[in-house]
Amino acid sequence: MRFESAAPSIVRSVRQRDLLNTWLRLRASTGAAPPIADYHPSRIEDELKDIVYYVVKPLDGGWQFIIDSHGSRLSHAYGNAGRSSVGMDLRDYVGPRMVDVVLPMYEECANRALPTYSISTVEDTQGRGVAYERLLLPFSNDGSVTRIIASLKTISEDGKFEIN
């Protein structure tokens, strides 16, 4: 997977851009990925259904991402709705079919200690195009990434969609 640096203006979702700009202001004041305790974006409560918190741990020269919040709207798409995923490794959560698609973004975020953003189009069960936006924000203590907040948005031009 190829990653490129880009300006914050590429982020389509207004709420995600607000989350990113809050992170960027903190980084400017600290010079590094900020501590999560200092992160207080406005109206975060409105976003909780689209946010997943992760604990990040070094693992065999790579990273382990442990889910540290209750389900988001995307849990339905992964078939995990109604089950608690707190404490679960992201690799196990997404499963073997999706791990090579999902994990590189999280690894890049942890390696660089910088936000990563992607947008991709998937089809819903009716063949309608759905834009899937993912913004990952790293947080650190003493320079090493220890947490990631993921904001996950799905947008359909049709206004509705069904993902399974």
C-alpha atoms as a PDB file:
ATOM      1  CA  MET A   1       0.000   0.000   0.000  1.00  0.00           C
ATOM      2  CA  ARG A   2       1.335   3.432  -0.936  1.00  0.00           C
ATOM      3  CA  PHE A   3       1.000   6.441   1.388  1.00  0.00           C
ATOM      4  CA  GLU A   4       1.371  10.114   0.470  1.00  0.00           C
ATOM      5  CA  SER A   5       1.532  13.282   2.521  1.00  0.00           C
ATOM      6  CA  ALA A   6      -1.402  15.619   1.943  1.00  0.00           C
ATOM      7  CA  ALA A   7      -3.035  18.744   3.309  1.00  0.00           C
ATOM      8  CA  PRO A   8      -5.921  18.426   5.800  1.00  0.00           C
ATOM      9  CA  SER A   9      -8.278  19.748   3.121  1.00  0.00           C
ATOM     10  CA  ILE A  10      -8.441  16.280   1.498  1.00  0.00           C
ATOM     11  CA  VAL A  11     -10.611  15.092   4.403  1.00  0.00           C
ATOM     12  CA  ARG A  12     -14.184  15.242   3.093  1.00  0.00           C
ATOM     13  CA  SER A  13     -16.155  14.864   6.310  1.00  0.00           C
ATOM     14  CA  VAL A  14     -16.543  18.172   8.157  1.00  0.00           C
ATOM     15  CA  ARG A  15     -16.541  16.367  11.521  1.00  0.00           C
ATOM     16  CA  GLN A  16     -13.405  14.399  10.654  1.00  0.00           C
ATOM     17  CA  ARG A  17     -11.691  17.590   9.562  1.00  0.00           C
ATOM     18  CA  ASP A  18     -12.569  19.127  12.931  1.00  0.00           C
ATOM     19  CA  LEU A  19     -11.099  16.097  14.726  1.00  0.00           C
ATOM     20  CA  LEU A  20      -7.947  16.354  12.607  1.00  0.00           C
ATOM     21  CA  ASN A  21      -7.555  20.118  13.093  1.00  0.00           C
ATOM     22  CA  THR A  22      -7.878  19.722  16.869  1.00  0.00           C
ATOM     23  CA  TRP A  23      -5.123  17.063  16.739  1.00  0.00           C
ATOM     24  CA  LEU A  24      -2.938  19.272  14.523  1.00  0.00           C
ATOM     25  CA  ARG A  25      -3.203  22.222  16.959  1.00  0.00           C
ATOM     26  CA  LEU A  26      -2.071  19.956  19.805  1.00  0.00           C
ATOM     27  CA  ARG A  27       0.805  18.587  17.741  1.00  0.00           C
ATOM     28  CA  ALA A  28       1.926  22.110  16.884  1.00  0.00           C
ATOM     29  CA  SER A  29       2.159  22.933  20.581  1.00  0.00           C
ATOM     30  CA  THR A  30       3.989  19.724  21.563  1.00  0.00           C
ATOM     31  CA  GLY A  31       6.014  19.000  18.411  1.00  0.00           C
ATOM     32  CA  ALA A  32       4.945  15.343  18.505  1.00  0.00           C
ATOM     33  CA  ALA A  33       1.861  13.157  18.658  1.00  0.00           C
ATOM     34  CA  PRO A  34       0.024  14.550  21.697  1.00  0.00           C
ATOM     35  CA  PRO A  35      -1.119  12.681  24.807  1.00  0.00           C
ATOM     36  CA  ILE A  36      -4.696  11.494  24.490  1.00  0.00           C
ATOM     37  CA  ALA A  37      -5.566  13.188  27.804  1.00  0.00           C
ATOM     38  CA  ASP A  38      -5.050  16.570  26.117  1.00  0.00           C
ATOM     39  CA  TYR A  39      -7.399  15.820  23.204  1.00  0.00           C
ATOM     40  CA  HIS A  40     -10.800  17.485  23.629  1.00  0.00           C
ATOM     41  CA  PRO A  41     -12.467  18.202  20.282  1.00  0.00           C
ATOM     42  CA  SER A  42     -15.791  20.017  20.310  1.00  0.00           C
ATOM     43  CA  ARG A  43     -18.953  17.910  20.238  1.00  0.00           C
ATOM     44  CA  ILE A  44     -17.058  14.618  20.527  1.00  0.00           C
ATOM     45  CA  GLU A  45     -20.186  13.068  22.076  1.00  0.00           C
ATOM     46  CA  ASP A  46     -21.936  13.442  18.706  1.00  0.00           C
ATOM     47  CA  GLU A  47     -19.214  11.358  17.074  1.00  0.00           C
ATOM     48  CA  LEU A  48     -18.927   8.433  19.480  1.00  0.00           C
ATOM     49  CA  LYS A  49     -20.924   6.062  17.244  1.00  0.00           C
ATOM     50  CA  ASP A  50     -18.360   6.631  14.495  1.00  0.00           C
ATOM     51  CA  ILE A  51     -15.245   6.428  16.681  1.00  0.00           C
ATOM     52  CA  VAL A  52     -13.191   3.489  17.881  1.00  0.00           C
ATOM     53  CA  TYR A  53     -10.412   3.833  20.472  1.00  0.00           C
ATOM     54  CA  TYR A  54      -7.380   1.534  20.336  1.00  0.00           C
ATOM     55  CA  VAL A  55      -4.547   0.734  22.706  1.00  0.00           C
ATOM     56  CA  VAL A  56      -1.330   0.394  20.675  1.00  0.00           C
ATOM     57  CA  LYS A  57       1.440  -1.962  21.802  1.00  0.00           C
ATOM     58  CA  PRO A  58       4.740  -2.922  20.182  1.00  0.00           C
ATOM     59  CA  LEU A  59       4.694  -6.531  18.994  1.00  0.00           C
ATOM     60  CA  ASP A  60       7.597  -8.403  17.346  1.00  0.00           C
ATOM     61  CA  GLY A  61       8.905  -5.354  15.472  1.00  0.00           C
ATOM     62  CA  GLY A  62       5.366  -4.299  14.552  1.00  0.00           C
ATOM     63  CA  TRP A  63       2.237  -3.228  16.361  1.00  0.00           C
ATOM     64  CA  GLN A  64      -0.763  -4.695  18.073  1.00  0.00           C
ATOM     65  CA  PHE A  65      -4.034  -2.723  18.078  1.00  0.00           C
ATOM     66  CA  ILE A  66      -6.425  -3.591  20.884  1.00  0.00           C
ATOM     67  CA  ILE A  67      -9.993  -2.273  20.682  1.00  0.00           C
ATOM     68  CA  ASP A  68     -10.738  -0.128  23.726  1.00  0.00           C
ATOM     69  CA  SER A  69     -14.289   1.112  23.109  1.00  0.00           C
ATOM     70  CA  HIS A  70     -17.716  -0.329  22.503  1.00  0.00           C
ATOM     71  CA  GLY A  71     -19.096  -0.902  19.026  1.00  0.00           C
ATOM     72  CA  SER A  72     -19.427   1.672  16.322  1.00  0.00           C
ATOM     73  CA  ARG A  73     -21.869   1.735  13.445  1.00  0.00           C
ATOM     74  CA  LEU A  74     -19.298  -0.166  11.383  1.00  0.00           C
ATOM     75  CA  SER A  75     -19.542  -3.188  13.670  1.00  0.00           C
ATOM     76  CA  HIS A  76     -22.636  -4.144  11.643  1.00  0.00           C
ATOM     77  CA  ALA A  77     -20.581  -4.313   8.450  1.00  0.00           C
ATOM     78  CA  TYR A  78     -18.050  -6.661  10.063  1.00  0.00           C
ATOM     79  CA  GLY A  79     -20.826  -8.836  11.492  1.00  0.00           C
ATOM     80  CA  ASN A  80     -19.955  -7.967  15.097  1.00  0.00           C
ATOM     81  CA  ALA A  81     -23.009  -5.923  16.074  1.00  0.00           C
ATOM     82  CA  GLY A  82     -24.299  -6.636  19.558  1.00  0.00           C
ATOM     83  CA  ARG A  83     -21.043  -8.225  20.762  1.00  0.00           C
ATOM     84  CA  SER A  84     -18.486  -6.476  22.901  1.00  0.00           C
ATOM     85  CA  SER A  85     -15.177  -6.159  21.112  1.00  0.00           C
ATOM     86  CA  VAL A  86     -13.322  -4.412  23.960  1.00  0.00           C
ATOM     87  CA  GLY A  87      -9.971  -6.137  24.472  1.00  0.00           C
ATOM     88  CA  MET A  88     -10.027  -7.765  21.047  1.00  0.00           C
ATOM     89  CA  ASP A  89      -7.033  -7.527  18.692  1.00  0.00           C
ATOM     90  CA  LEU A  90      -7.951  -5.650  15.498  1.00  0.00           C
ATOM     91  CA  ARG A  91      -6.526  -8.534  13.434  1.00  0.00           C
ATOM     92  CA  ASP A  92      -9.027 -10.928  14.963  1.00  0.00           C
ATOM     93  CA  TYR A  93     -11.858  -8.416  14.689  1.00  0.00           C
ATOM     94  CA  VAL A  94     -11.553  -7.794  10.942  1.00  0.00           C
ATOM     95  CA  GLY A  95     -10.689 -11.399  10.114  1.00  0.00           C
ATOM     96  CA  PRO A  96      -8.264 -12.929   7.635  1.00  0.00           C
ATOM     97  CA  ARG A  97     -10.032 -11.600   4.503  1.00  0.00           C
ATOM     98  CA  MET A  98      -9.696  -7.937   5.547  1.00  0.00           C
ATOM     99  CA  VAL A  99      -6.490  -7.889   7.616  1.00  0.00           C
ATOM    100  CA  ASP A 100      -4.190  -7.070   4.664  1.00  0.00           C
ATOM    101  CA  VAL A 101      -6.483  -4.223   3.622  1.00  0.00           C
ATOM    102  CA  VAL A 102      -7.116  -2.699   7.065  1.00  0.00           C
ATOM    103  CA  LEU A 103      -3.872  -3.163   9.046  1.00  0.00           C
ATOM    104  CA  PRO A 104      -1.431  -1.227   6.825  1.00  0.00           C
ATOM    105  CA  MET A 105      -3.178   2.064   7.639  1.00  0.00           C
ATOM    106  CA  TYR A 106      -2.955   1.459  11.377  1.00  0.00           C
ATOM    107  CA  GLU A 107       0.680   0.378  11.103  1.00  0.00           C
ATOM    108  CA  GLU A 108       1.595   3.473   9.074  1.00  0.00           C
ATOM    109  CA  CYS A 109      -0.146   5.698  11.617  1.00  0.00           C
ATOM    110  CA  ALA A 110       1.807   4.087  14.471  1.00  0.00           C
ATOM    111  CA  ASN A 111       5.126   4.033  12.585  1.00  0.00           C
ATOM    112  CA  ARG A 112       5.017   7.684  11.580  1.00  0.00           C
ATOM    113  CA  ALA A 113       3.096   8.982  14.620  1.00  0.00           C
ATOM    114  CA  LEU A 114       1.041  10.966  12.123  1.00  0.00           C
ATOM    115  CA  PRO A 115      -2.625  10.825  11.105  1.00  0.00           C
ATOM    116  CA  THR A 116      -3.614   8.634   8.205  1.00  0.00           C
ATOM    117  CA  TYR A 117      -6.712   9.085   6.078  1.00  0.00           C
ATOM    118  CA  SER A 118      -8.255   6.986   3.375  1.00  0.00           C
ATOM    119  CA  ILE A 119     -11.387   7.007   1.347  1.00  0.00           C
ATOM    120  CA  SER A 120     -12.591   4.068  -0.661  1.00  0.00           C
ATOM    121  CA  THR A 121     -15.783   3.157  -2.424  1.00  0.00           C
ATOM    122  CA  VAL A 122     -17.547  -0.091  -1.644  1.00  0.00           C
ATOM    123  CA  GLU A 123     -20.854  -1.420  -2.875  1.00  0.00           C
ATOM    124  CA  ASP A 124     -23.735  -2.077  -0.546  1.00  0.00           C
ATOM    125  CA  THR A 125     -25.952  -5.156  -0.794  1.00  0.00           C
ATOM    126  CA  GLN A 126     -28.013  -3.396  -3.503  1.00  0.00           C
ATOM    127  CA  GLY A 127     -24.992  -2.409  -5.619  1.00  0.00           C
ATOM    128  CA  ARG A 128     -25.068   1.269  -4.564  1.00  0.00           C
ATOM    129  CA  GLY A 129     -21.733   3.042  -4.123  1.00  0.00           C
ATOM    130  CA  VAL A 130     -20.822   3.935  -0.547  1.00  0.00           C
ATOM    131  CA  ALA A 131     -17.822   6.105   0.322  1.00  0.00           C
ATOM    132  CA  TYR A 132     -15.951   4.774   3.355  1.00  0.00           C
ATOM    133  CA  GLU A 133     -13.715   7.336   5.059  1.00  0.00           C
ATOM    134  CA  ARG A 134     -11.233   6.379   7.763  1.00  0.00           C
ATOM    135  CA  LEU A 135      -9.215   8.901   9.782  1.00  0.00           C
ATOM    136  CA  LEU A 136      -6.655   7.565  12.257  1.00  0.00           C
ATOM    137  CA  LEU A 137      -5.163   9.874  14.882  1.00  0.00           C
ATOM    138  CA  PRO A 138      -2.136   8.734  16.923  1.00  0.00           C
ATOM    139  CA  PHE A 139      -1.468   9.702  20.534  1.00  0.00           C
ATOM    140  CA  SER A 140       1.694   9.180  22.511  1.00  0.00           C
ATOM    141  CA  ASN A 141       3.383   9.336  25.837  1.00  0.00           C
ATOM    142  CA  ASP A 142       7.115  10.039  25.720  1.00  0.00           C
ATOM    143  CA  GLY A 143       7.272   9.834  21.916  1.00  0.00           C
ATOM    144  CA  SER A 144       5.939   6.317  21.395  1.00  0.00           C
ATOM    145  CA  VAL A 145       2.416   5.849  20.042  1.00  0.00           C
ATOM    146  CA  THR A 146       0.240   4.294  22.722  1.00  0.00           C
ATOM    147  CA  ARG A 147      -3.272   5.057  21.463  1.00  0.00           C
ATOM    148  CA  ILE A 148      -5.117   5.585  18.181  1.00  0.00           C
ATOM    149  CA  ILE A 149      -8.534   7.092  17.673  1.00  0.00           C
ATOM    150  CA  ALA A 150     -10.256   5.972  14.470  1.00  0.00           C
ATOM    151  CA  SER A 151     -13.097   7.988  12.985  1.00  0.00           C
ATOM    152  CA  LEU A 152     -15.051   5.882  10.511  1.00  0.00           C
ATOM    153  CA  LYS A 153     -17.631   7.453   8.200  1.00  0.00           C
ATOM    154  CA  THR A 154     -19.825   5.957   5.516  1.00  0.00           C
ATOM    155  CA  ILE A 155     -21.562   8.216   3.031  1.00  0.00           C
ATOM    156  CA  SER A 156     -23.887   7.284   0.199  1.00  0.00           C
ATOM    157  CA  GLU A 157     -24.937   9.646  -2.573  1.00  0.00           C
ATOM    158  CA  ASP A 158     -28.289   7.855  -2.523  1.00  0.00           C
ATOM    159  CA  GLY A 159     -28.724   8.824   1.115  1.00  0.00           C
ATOM    160  CA  LYS A 160     -29.170   5.228   2.241  1.00  0.00           C
ATOM    161  CA  PHE A 161     -27.275   1.978   2.043  1.00  0.00           C
ATOM    162  CA  GLU A 162     -27.122  -1.549   3.397  1.00  0.00           C
ATOM    163  CA  ILE A 163     -23.731  -3.043   4.192  1.00  0.00           C
ATOM    164  CA  ASN A 164     -23.264  -6.656   5.216  1.00  0.00           C
END
